[in-house]
Amino acid sequence: MATRLPEVLIMNCKSKWIIASVFLLSNLMVEPAFADGSMRCGTHIISSGERRGPDKYEVLKKCGEPTNRSGSTWTYEQSGGATRVVVFDHSGKVSRIN
């Protein structure tokens, strides 16, 4: 019994490592799909160029307060060091996300 316990622990650690690796790789593969013209805010995705795109209120509600506001340009510092710039048009709708 004592000789089997380490084998079980090793298998358990290996399976956790495999699951974590698959999760990480799947997230890395999904992120580029949202890289240009949209951004992720928690569980929400904000996209530019939609016919009925989000306005300033919706962006604030989903993404929170921006790191910097300069007129119609808002800057968000996201996890991992990414910086996203949201530009609003004259009506307050998202026109571009860089």
PDB file of N, CA and C in Angstrom:
ATOM      1  N   MET A   1       0.818  -1.186   0.000  1.00  0.00           N
ATOM      2  CA  MET A   1       0.000   0.000   0.000  1.00  0.00           C
ATOM      3  C   MET A   1       0.867   1.257   0.000  1.00  0.00           C
ATOM      4  N   ALA A   2       1.929   1.256   0.793  1.00  0.00           N
ATOM      5  CA  ALA A   2       2.781   2.442   0.882  1.00  0.00           C
ATOM      6  C   ALA A   2       3.512   2.714  -0.427  1.00  0.00           C
ATOM      7  N   THR A   3       3.804   1.686  -1.213  1.00  0.00           N
ATOM      8  CA  THR A   3       4.501   1.912  -2.479  1.00  0.00           C
ATOM      9  C   THR A   3       3.562   2.445  -3.549  1.00  0.00           C
ATOM     10  N   ARG A   4       2.277   2.206  -3.448  1.00  0.00           N
ATOM     11  CA  ARG A   4       1.326   2.683  -4.456  1.00  0.00           C
ATOM     12  C   ARG A   4       0.936   4.140  -4.241  1.00  0.00           C
ATOM     13  N   LEU A   5       0.978   4.606  -3.032  1.00  0.00           N
ATOM     14  CA  LEU A   5       0.556   5.968  -2.741  1.00  0.00           C
ATOM     15  C   LEU A   5       1.341   7.008  -3.538  1.00  0.00           C
ATOM     16  N   PRO A   6       2.657   6.945  -3.597  1.00  0.00           N
ATOM     17  CA  PRO A   6       3.379   7.938  -4.404  1.00  0.00           C
ATOM     18  C   PRO A   6       3.003   7.877  -5.890  1.00  0.00           C
ATOM     19  N   GLU A   7       2.732   6.680  -6.419  1.00  0.00           N
ATOM     20  CA  GLU A   7       2.329   6.569  -7.824  1.00  0.00           C
ATOM     21  C   GLU A   7       1.008   7.285  -8.057  1.00  0.00           C
ATOM     22  N   VAL A   8       0.076   7.132  -7.135  1.00  0.00           N
ATOM     23  CA  VAL A   8      -1.220   7.802  -7.262  1.00  0.00           C
ATOM     24  C   VAL A   8      -1.037   9.313  -7.195  1.00  0.00           C
ATOM     25  N   LEU A   9      -0.213   9.771  -6.293  1.00  0.00           N
ATOM     26  CA  LEU A   9       0.035  11.205  -6.182  1.00  0.00           C
ATOM     27  C   LEU A   9       0.700  11.757  -7.435  1.00  0.00           C
ATOM     28  N   ILE A  10       1.641  11.009  -7.994  1.00  0.00           N
ATOM     29  CA  ILE A  10       2.322  11.445  -9.218  1.00  0.00           C
ATOM     30  C   ILE A  10       1.328  11.528 -10.367  1.00  0.00           C
ATOM     31  N   MET A  11       0.466  10.535 -10.525  1.00  0.00           N
ATOM     32  CA  MET A  11      -0.536  10.551 -11.594  1.00  0.00           C
ATOM     33  C   MET A  11      -1.498  11.716 -11.398  1.00  0.00           C
ATOM     34  N   ASN A  12      -1.886  11.969 -10.159  1.00  0.00           N
ATOM     35  CA  ASN A  12      -2.797  13.064  -9.879  1.00  0.00           C
ATOM     36  C   ASN A  12      -2.155  14.400 -10.246  1.00  0.00           C
ATOM     37  N   CYS A  13      -0.894  14.590  -9.917  1.00  0.00           N
ATOM     38  CA  CYS A  13      -0.175  15.825 -10.268  1.00  0.00           C
ATOM     39  C   CYS A  13      -0.033  15.968 -11.781  1.00  0.00           C
ATOM     40  N   LYS A  14       0.253  14.863 -12.465  1.00  0.00           N
ATOM     41  CA  LYS A  14       0.394  14.909 -13.923  1.00  0.00           C
ATOM     42  C   LYS A  14      -0.923  15.302 -14.578  1.00  0.00           C
ATOM     43  N   SER A  15      -2.031  14.729 -14.114  1.00  0.00           N
ATOM     44  CA  SER A  15      -3.318  15.049 -14.729  1.00  0.00           C
ATOM     45  C   SER A  15      -3.702  16.502 -14.460  1.00  0.00           C
ATOM     46  N   LYS A  16      -3.394  17.024 -13.282  1.00  0.00           N
ATOM     47  CA  LYS A  16      -3.669  18.433 -13.004  1.00  0.00           C
ATOM     48  C   LYS A  16      -2.826  19.329 -13.903  1.00  0.00           C
ATOM     49  N   TRP A  17      -1.575  18.948 -14.124  1.00  0.00           N
ATOM     50  CA  TRP A  17      -0.698  19.727 -14.984  1.00  0.00           C
ATOM     51  C   TRP A  17      -1.222  19.724 -16.418  1.00  0.00           C
ATOM     52  N   ILE A  18      -1.686  18.580 -16.887  1.00  0.00           N
ATOM     53  CA  ILE A  18      -2.215  18.470 -18.251  1.00  0.00           C
ATOM     54  C   ILE A  18      -3.465  19.327 -18.402  1.00  0.00           C
ATOM     55  N   ILE A  19      -4.363  19.267 -17.430  1.00  0.00           N
ATOM     56  CA  ILE A  19      -5.589  20.065 -17.488  1.00  0.00           C
ATOM     57  C   ILE A  19      -5.251  21.553 -17.482  1.00  0.00           C
ATOM     58  N   ALA A  20      -4.325  21.960 -16.632  1.00  0.00           N
ATOM     59  CA  ALA A  20      -3.927  23.371 -16.580  1.00  0.00           C
ATOM     60  C   ALA A  20      -3.295  23.812 -17.898  1.00  0.00           C
ATOM     61  N   SER A  21      -2.487  22.953 -18.503  1.00  0.00           N
ATOM     62  CA  SER A  21      -1.841  23.286 -19.776  1.00  0.00           C
ATOM     63  C   SER A  21      -2.866  23.443 -20.892  1.00  0.00           C
ATOM     64  N   VAL A  22      -3.828  22.539 -20.948  1.00  0.00           N
ATOM     65  CA  VAL A  22      -4.874  22.621 -21.975  1.00  0.00           C
ATOM     66  C   VAL A  22      -5.683  23.902 -21.794  1.00  0.00           C
ATOM     67  N   PHE A  23      -6.020  24.237 -20.563  1.00  0.00           N
ATOM     68  CA  PHE A  23      -6.768  25.459 -20.287  1.00  0.00           C
ATOM     69  C   PHE A  23      -5.983  26.695 -20.731  1.00  0.00           C
ATOM     70  N   LEU A  24      -4.713  26.749 -20.385  1.00  0.00           N
ATOM     71  CA  LEU A  24      -3.875  27.886 -20.757  1.00  0.00           C
ATOM     72  C   LEU A  24      -3.749  28.012 -22.273  1.00  0.00           C
ATOM     73  N   LEU A  25      -3.490  26.913 -22.951  1.00  0.00           N
ATOM     74  CA  LEU A  25      -3.349  26.950 -24.407  1.00  0.00           C
ATOM     75  C   LEU A  25      -4.646  27.356 -25.090  1.00  0.00           C
ATOM     76  N   SER A  26      -5.779  26.883 -24.587  1.00  0.00           N
ATOM     77  CA  SER A  26      -7.054  27.256 -25.200  1.00  0.00           C
ATOM     78  C   SER A  26      -7.309  28.748 -25.038  1.00  0.00           C
ATOM     79  N   ASN A  27      -6.928  29.324 -23.902  1.00  0.00           N
ATOM     80  CA  ASN A  27      -7.088  30.770 -23.718  1.00  0.00           C
ATOM     81  C   ASN A  27      -6.158  31.553 -24.627  1.00  0.00           C
ATOM     82  N   LEU A  28      -4.961  31.067 -24.841  1.00  0.00           N
ATOM     83  CA  LEU A  28      -4.031  31.748 -25.736  1.00  0.00           C
ATOM     84  C   LEU A  28      -4.522  31.709 -27.172  1.00  0.00           C
ATOM     85  N   MET A  29      -5.223  30.660 -27.539  1.00  0.00           N
ATOM     86  CA  MET A  29      -5.727  30.543 -28.903  1.00  0.00           C
ATOM     87  C   MET A  29      -6.949  31.425 -29.119  1.00  0.00           C
ATOM     88  N   VAL A  30      -7.746  31.657 -28.094  1.00  0.00           N
ATOM     89  CA  VAL A  30      -8.957  32.458 -28.224  1.00  0.00           C
ATOM     90  C   VAL A  30      -8.634  33.945 -28.226  1.00  0.00           C
ATOM     91  N   GLU A  31      -7.672  34.381 -27.460  1.00  0.00           N
ATOM     92  CA  GLU A  31      -7.366  35.798 -27.305  1.00  0.00           C
ATOM     93  C   GLU A  31      -7.102  36.526 -28.623  1.00  0.00           C
ATOM     94  N   PRO A  32      -6.337  35.974 -29.583  1.00  0.00           N
ATOM     95  CA  PRO A  32      -6.124  36.704 -30.834  1.00  0.00           C
ATOM     96  C   PRO A  32      -7.402  36.974 -31.615  1.00  0.00           C
ATOM     97  N   ALA A  33      -8.432  36.183 -31.416  1.00  0.00           N
ATOM     98  CA  ALA A  33      -9.687  36.425 -32.110  1.00  0.00           C
ATOM     99  C   ALA A  33     -10.302  37.753 -31.683  1.00  0.00           C
ATOM    100  N   PHE A  34      -9.980  38.205 -30.479  1.00  0.00           N
ATOM    101  CA  PHE A  34     -10.519  39.453 -29.976  1.00  0.00           C
ATOM    102  C   PHE A  34      -9.475  40.560 -29.989  1.00  0.00           C
ATOM    103  N   ALA A  35      -8.369  40.342 -30.662  1.00  0.00           N
ATOM    104  CA  ALA A  35      -7.244  41.266 -30.570  1.00  0.00           C
ATOM    105  C   ALA A  35      -7.507  42.601 -31.252  1.00  0.00           C
ATOM    106  N   ASP A  36      -8.164  42.624 -32.396  1.00  0.00           N
ATOM    107  CA  ASP A  36      -8.329  43.867 -33.123  1.00  0.00           C
ATOM    108  C   ASP A  36      -9.800  44.238 -33.218  1.00  0.00           C
ATOM    109  N   GLY A  37     -10.150  45.439 -32.785  1.00  0.00           N
ATOM    110  CA  GLY A  37     -11.518  45.906 -32.895  1.00  0.00           C
ATOM    111  C   GLY A  37     -12.428  45.464 -31.780  1.00  0.00           C
ATOM    112  N   SER A  38     -11.898  44.768 -30.799  1.00  0.00           N
ATOM    113  CA  SER A  38     -12.702  44.369 -29.651  1.00  0.00           C
ATOM    114  C   SER A  38     -11.797  44.132 -28.461  1.00  0.00           C
ATOM    115  N   MET A  39     -12.422  44.068 -27.298  1.00  0.00           N
ATOM    116  CA  MET A  39     -11.652  43.784 -26.093  1.00  0.00           C
ATOM    117  C   MET A  39     -12.527  43.052 -25.094  1.00  0.00           C
ATOM    118  N   ARG A  40     -11.870  42.301 -24.251  1.00  0.00           N
ATOM    119  CA  ARG A  40     -12.558  41.532 -23.224  1.00  0.00           C
ATOM    120  C   ARG A  40     -12.522  42.320 -21.923  1.00  0.00           C
ATOM    121  N   CYS A  41     -13.676  42.392 -21.277  1.00  0.00           N
ATOM    122  CA  CYS A  41     -13.802  43.010 -19.954  1.00  0.00           C
ATOM    123  C   CYS A  41     -14.475  41.986 -19.052  1.00  0.00           C
ATOM    124  N   GLY A  42     -13.684  41.229 -18.332  1.00  0.00           N
ATOM    125  CA  GLY A  42     -14.244  40.154 -17.504  1.00  0.00           C
ATOM    126  C   GLY A  42     -14.884  39.113 -18.396  1.00  0.00           C
ATOM    127  N   THR A  43     -16.196  38.928 -18.249  1.00  0.00           N
ATOM    128  CA  THR A  43     -16.914  37.961 -19.089  1.00  0.00           C
ATOM    129  C   THR A  43     -17.550  38.623 -20.304  1.00  0.00           C
ATOM    130  N   HIS A  44     -17.382  39.931 -20.447  1.00  0.00           N
ATOM    131  CA  HIS A  44     -17.994  40.679 -21.551  1.00  0.00           C
ATOM    132  C   HIS A  44     -16.979  40.946 -22.652  1.00  0.00           C
ATOM    133  N   ILE A  45     -17.488  41.095 -23.869  1.00  0.00           N
ATOM    134  CA  ILE A  45     -16.655  41.480 -25.007  1.00  0.00           C
ATOM    135  C   ILE A  45     -17.246  42.750 -25.598  1.00  0.00           C
ATOM    136  N   ILE A  46     -16.422  43.764 -25.707  1.00  0.00           N
ATOM    137  CA  ILE A  46     -16.828  45.039 -26.294  1.00  0.00           C
ATOM    138  C   ILE A  46     -16.251  45.084 -27.701  1.00  0.00           C
ATOM    139  N   SER A  47     -17.111  45.349 -28.703  1.00  0.00           N
ATOM    140  CA  SER A  47     -16.654  45.381 -30.096  1.00  0.00           C
ATOM    141  C   SER A  47     -16.967  46.723 -30.729  1.00  0.00           C
ATOM    142  N   SER A  48     -16.102  47.154 -31.623  1.00  0.00           N
ATOM    143  CA  SER A  48     -16.338  48.387 -32.374  1.00  0.00           C
ATOM    144  C   SER A  48     -16.940  48.043 -33.724  1.00  0.00           C
ATOM    145  N   GLY A  49     -17.520  49.053 -34.354  1.00  0.00           N
ATOM    146  CA  GLY A  49     -18.021  48.888 -35.704  1.00  0.00           C
ATOM    147  C   GLY A  49     -19.346  48.161 -35.821  1.00  0.00           C
ATOM    148  N   GLU A  50     -19.974  47.827 -34.714  1.00  0.00           N
ATOM    149  CA  GLU A  50     -21.285  47.190 -34.791  1.00  0.00           C
ATOM    150  C   GLU A  50     -22.325  48.255 -35.108  1.00  0.00           C
ATOM    151  N   ARG A  51     -23.384  47.851 -35.772  1.00  0.00           N
ATOM    152  CA  ARG A  51     -24.429  48.801 -36.135  1.00  0.00           C
ATOM    153  C   ARG A  51     -25.014  49.482 -34.898  1.00  0.00           C
ATOM    154  N   ARG A  52     -25.266  48.695 -33.886  1.00  0.00           N
ATOM    155  CA  ARG A  52     -25.773  49.238 -32.625  1.00  0.00           C
ATOM    156  C   ARG A  52     -24.730  48.994 -31.545  1.00  0.00           C
ATOM    157  N   GLY A  53     -23.537  49.483 -31.799  1.00  0.00           N
ATOM    158  CA  GLY A  53     -22.409  49.262 -30.901  1.00  0.00           C
ATOM    159  C   GLY A  53     -22.619  49.862 -29.527  1.00  0.00           C
ATOM    160  N   PRO A  54     -21.770  49.479 -28.604  1.00  0.00           N
ATOM    161  CA  PRO A  54     -21.908  49.973 -27.236  1.00  0.00           C
ATOM    162  C   PRO A  54     -21.598  51.466 -27.136  1.00  0.00           C
ATOM    163  N   ASP A  55     -22.245  52.115 -26.185  1.00  0.00           N
ATOM    164  CA  ASP A  55     -21.960  53.521 -25.930  1.00  0.00           C
ATOM    165  C   ASP A  55     -21.089  53.648 -24.682  1.00  0.00           C
ATOM    166  N   LYS A  56     -20.790  54.886 -24.309  1.00  0.00           N
ATOM    167  CA  LYS A  56     -19.901  55.126 -23.170  1.00  0.00           C
ATOM    168  C   LYS A  56     -20.440  54.500 -21.891  1.00  0.00           C
ATOM    169  N   TYR A  57     -21.753  54.613 -21.673  1.00  0.00           N
ATOM    170  CA  TYR A  57     -22.353  54.053 -20.464  1.00  0.00           C
ATOM    171  C   TYR A  57     -22.151  52.541 -20.404  1.00  0.00           C
ATOM    172  N   GLU A  58     -22.391  51.860 -21.529  1.00  0.00           N
ATOM    173  CA  GLU A  58     -22.243  50.401 -21.560  1.00  0.00           C
ATOM    174  C   GLU A  58     -20.789  49.976 -21.346  1.00  0.00           C
ATOM    175  N   VAL A  59     -19.853  50.717 -21.931  1.00  0.00           N
ATOM    176  CA  VAL A  59     -18.433  50.403 -21.734  1.00  0.00           C
ATOM    177  C   VAL A  59     -18.062  50.596 -20.264  1.00  0.00           C
ATOM    178  N   LEU A  60     -18.527  51.691 -19.660  1.00  0.00           N
ATOM    179  CA  LEU A  60     -18.262  51.920 -18.235  1.00  0.00           C
ATOM    180  C   LEU A  60     -18.851  50.806 -17.377  1.00  0.00           C
ATOM    181  N   LYS A  61     -20.070  50.399 -17.703  1.00  0.00           N
ATOM    182  CA  LYS A  61     -20.756  49.360 -16.934  1.00  0.00           C
ATOM    183  C   LYS A  61     -20.027  48.023 -17.027  1.00  0.00           C
ATOM    184  N   LYS A  62     -19.544  47.678 -18.217  1.00  0.00           N
ATOM    185  CA  LYS A  62     -18.918  46.371 -18.421  1.00  0.00           C
ATOM    186  C   LYS A  62     -17.426  46.356 -18.105  1.00  0.00           C
ATOM    187  N   CYS A  63     -16.736  47.468 -18.340  1.00  0.00           N
ATOM    188  CA  CYS A  63     -15.275  47.496 -18.184  1.00  0.00           C
ATOM    189  C   CYS A  63     -14.799  48.299 -16.987  1.00  0.00           C
ATOM    190  N   GLY A  64     -15.681  49.084 -16.405  1.00  0.00           N
ATOM    191  CA  GLY A  64     -15.273  49.911 -15.279  1.00  0.00           C
ATOM    192  C   GLY A  64     -14.615  51.200 -15.738  1.00  0.00           C
ATOM    193  N   GLU A  65     -14.099  51.917 -14.770  1.00  0.00           N
ATOM    194  CA  GLU A  65     -13.466  53.214 -15.038  1.00  0.00           C
ATOM    195  C   GLU A  65     -12.159  53.010 -15.810  1.00  0.00           C
ATOM    196  N   PRO A  66     -11.947  53.777 -16.892  1.00  0.00           N
ATOM    197  CA  PRO A  66     -10.693  53.641 -17.642  1.00  0.00           C
ATOM    198  C   PRO A  66      -9.504  54.174 -16.847  1.00  0.00           C
ATOM    199  N   THR A  67      -8.329  53.739 -17.220  1.00  0.00           N
ATOM    200  CA  THR A  67      -7.100  54.230 -16.598  1.00  0.00           C
ATOM    201  C   THR A  67      -6.896  55.703 -16.915  1.00  0.00           C
ATOM    202  N   ASN A  68      -7.293  56.099 -18.142  1.00  0.00           N
ATOM    203  CA  ASN A  68      -7.116  57.480 -18.581  1.00  0.00           C
ATOM    204  C   ASN A  68      -8.256  57.853 -19.519  1.00  0.00           C
ATOM    205  N   ARG A  69      -8.751  59.085 -19.380  1.00  0.00           N
ATOM    206  CA  ARG A  69      -9.756  59.635 -20.297  1.00  0.00           C
ATOM    207  C   ARG A  69      -9.188  60.911 -20.897  1.00  0.00           C
ATOM    208  N   SER A  70      -9.238  60.988 -22.222  1.00  0.00           N
ATOM    209  CA  SER A  70      -8.803  62.199 -22.910  1.00  0.00           C
ATOM    210  C   SER A  70      -9.807  62.482 -24.016  1.00  0.00           C
ATOM    211  N   GLY A  71     -10.816  63.275 -23.712  1.00  0.00           N
ATOM    212  CA  GLY A  71     -11.870  63.562 -24.678  1.00  0.00           C
ATOM    213  C   GLY A  71     -12.649  62.308 -25.024  1.00  0.00           C
ATOM    214  N   SER A  72     -12.647  61.961 -26.304  1.00  0.00           N
ATOM    215  CA  SER A  72     -13.389  60.782 -26.754  1.00  0.00           C
ATOM    216  C   SER A  72     -12.517  59.530 -26.789  1.00  0.00           C
ATOM    217  N   THR A  73     -11.341  59.594 -26.171  1.00  0.00           N
ATOM    218  CA  THR A  73     -10.415  58.453 -26.155  1.00  0.00           C
ATOM    219  C   THR A  73     -10.216  57.980 -24.720  1.00  0.00           C
ATOM    220  N   TRP A  74     -10.529  56.718 -24.485  1.00  0.00           N
ATOM    221  CA  TRP A  74     -10.344  56.111 -23.166  1.00  0.00           C
ATOM    222  C   TRP A  74      -9.277  55.036 -23.269  1.00  0.00           C
ATOM    223  N   THR A  75      -8.435  54.941 -22.252  1.00  0.00           N
ATOM    224  CA  THR A  75      -7.372  53.939 -22.215  1.00  0.00           C
ATOM    225  C   THR A  75      -7.599  52.997 -21.043  1.00  0.00           C
ATOM    226  N   TYR A  76      -7.497  51.699 -21.325  1.00  0.00           N
ATOM    227  CA  TYR A  76      -7.622  50.664 -20.299  1.00  0.00           C
ATOM    228  C   TYR A  76      -6.323  49.869 -20.229  1.00  0.00           C
ATOM    229  N   GLU A  77      -5.777  49.739 -19.032  1.00  0.00           N
ATOM    230  CA  GLU A  77      -4.629  48.857 -18.791  1.00  0.00           C
ATOM    231  C   GLU A  77      -5.203  47.514 -18.368  1.00  0.00           C
ATOM    232  N   GLN A  78      -4.968  46.478 -19.165  1.00  0.00           N
ATOM    233  CA  GLN A  78      -5.526  45.167 -18.867  1.00  0.00           C
ATOM    234  C   GLN A  78      -4.465  44.247 -18.295  1.00  0.00           C
ATOM    235  N   SER A  79      -4.929  43.116 -17.768  1.00  0.00           N
ATOM    236  CA  SER A  79      -4.002  42.150 -17.173  1.00  0.00           C
ATOM    237  C   SER A  79      -2.998  41.682 -18.217  1.00  0.00           C
ATOM    238  N   GLY A  80      -1.813  41.371 -17.770  1.00  0.00           N
ATOM    239  CA  GLY A  80      -0.758  40.943 -18.677  1.00  0.00           C
ATOM    240  C   GLY A  80      -0.029  42.106 -19.327  1.00  0.00           C
ATOM    241  N   GLY A  81      -0.351  43.333 -18.915  1.00  0.00           N
ATOM    242  CA  GLY A  81       0.339  44.496 -19.453  1.00  0.00           C
ATOM    243  C   GLY A  81      -0.236  45.039 -20.748  1.00  0.00           C
ATOM    244  N   ALA A  82      -1.335  44.474 -21.230  1.00  0.00           N
ATOM    245  CA  ALA A  82      -1.938  44.947 -22.479  1.00  0.00           C
ATOM    246  C   ALA A  82      -2.632  46.290 -22.256  1.00  0.00           C
ATOM    247  N   THR A  83      -2.506  47.171 -23.227  1.00  0.00           N
ATOM    248  CA  THR A  83      -3.185  48.462 -23.195  1.00  0.00           C
ATOM    249  C   THR A  83      -4.180  48.502 -24.339  1.00  0.00           C
ATOM    250  N   ARG A  84      -5.429  48.832 -24.027  1.00  0.00           N
ATOM    251  CA  ARG A  84      -6.470  48.939 -25.051  1.00  0.00           C
ATOM    252  C   ARG A  84      -6.967  50.374 -25.067  1.00  0.00           C
ATOM    253  N   VAL A  85      -7.079  50.937 -26.266  1.00  0.00           N
ATOM    254  CA  VAL A  85      -7.558  52.303 -26.435  1.00  0.00           C
ATOM    255  C   VAL A  85      -8.921  52.237 -27.118  1.00  0.00           C
ATOM    256  N   VAL A  86      -9.918  52.835 -26.473  1.00  0.00           N
ATOM    257  CA  VAL A  86     -11.281  52.862 -27.002  1.00  0.00           C
ATOM    258  C   VAL A  86     -11.566  54.285 -27.460  1.00  0.00           C
ATOM    259  N   VAL A  87     -11.970  54.428 -28.730  1.00  0.00           N
ATOM    260  CA  VAL A  87     -12.281  55.736 -29.294  1.00  0.00           C
ATOM    261  C   VAL A  87     -13.776  55.777 -29.583  1.00  0.00           C
ATOM    262  N   PHE A  88     -14.434  56.849 -29.120  1.00  0.00           N
ATOM    263  CA  PHE A  88     -15.870  57.021 -29.316  1.00  0.00           C
ATOM    264  C   PHE A  88     -16.125  58.046 -30.414  1.00  0.00           C
ATOM    265  N   ASP A  89     -17.224  57.874 -31.154  1.00  0.00           N
ATOM    266  CA  ASP A  89     -17.589  58.849 -32.181  1.00  0.00           C
ATOM    267  C   ASP A  89     -18.370  60.003 -31.543  1.00  0.00           C
ATOM    268  N   HIS A  90     -18.861  60.923 -32.378  1.00  0.00           N
ATOM    269  CA  HIS A  90     -19.550  62.121 -31.872  1.00  0.00           C
ATOM    270  C   HIS A  90     -20.842  61.799 -31.126  1.00  0.00           C
ATOM    271  N   SER A  91     -21.443  60.640 -31.400  1.00  0.00           N
ATOM    272  CA  SER A  91     -22.685  60.264 -30.718  1.00  0.00           C
ATOM    273  C   SER A  91     -22.433  59.449 -29.447  1.00  0.00           C
ATOM    274  N   GLY A  92     -21.162  59.189 -29.129  1.00  0.00           N
ATOM    275  CA  GLY A  92     -20.838  58.455 -27.912  1.00  0.00           C
ATOM    276  C   GLY A  92     -20.749  56.953 -28.082  1.00  0.00           C
ATOM    277  N   LYS A  93     -20.834  56.475 -29.326  1.00  0.00           N
ATOM    278  CA  LYS A  93     -20.712  55.039 -29.604  1.00  0.00           C
ATOM    279  C   LYS A  93     -19.249  54.689 -29.861  1.00  0.00           C
ATOM    280  N   VAL A  94     -18.883  53.435 -29.579  1.00  0.00           N
ATOM    281  CA  VAL A  94     -17.515  52.979 -29.837  1.00  0.00           C
ATOM    282  C   VAL A  94     -17.282  52.963 -31.344  1.00  0.00           C
ATOM    283  N   SER A  95     -16.253  53.673 -31.792  1.00  0.00           N
ATOM    284  CA  SER A  95     -15.935  53.667 -33.221  1.00  0.00           C
ATOM    285  C   SER A  95     -14.699  52.834 -33.523  1.00  0.00           C
ATOM    286  N   ARG A  96     -13.792  52.723 -32.524  1.00  0.00           N
ATOM    287  CA  ARG A  96     -12.564  51.965 -32.772  1.00  0.00           C
ATOM    288  C   ARG A  96     -11.977  51.496 -31.445  1.00  0.00           C
ATOM    289  N   ILE A  97     -11.387  50.290 -31.470  1.00  0.00           N
ATOM    290  CA  ILE A  97     -10.653  49.761 -30.325  1.00  0.00           C
ATOM    291  C   ILE A  97      -9.301  49.302 -30.831  1.00  0.00           C
ATOM    292  N   ASN A  98      -8.239  49.833 -30.257  1.00  0.00           N
ATOM    293  CA  ASN A  98      -6.874  49.452 -30.634  1.00  0.00           C
ATOM    294  C   ASN A  98      -6.240  48.700 -29.497  1.00  0.00           C
TER     295      ASN A  98
END
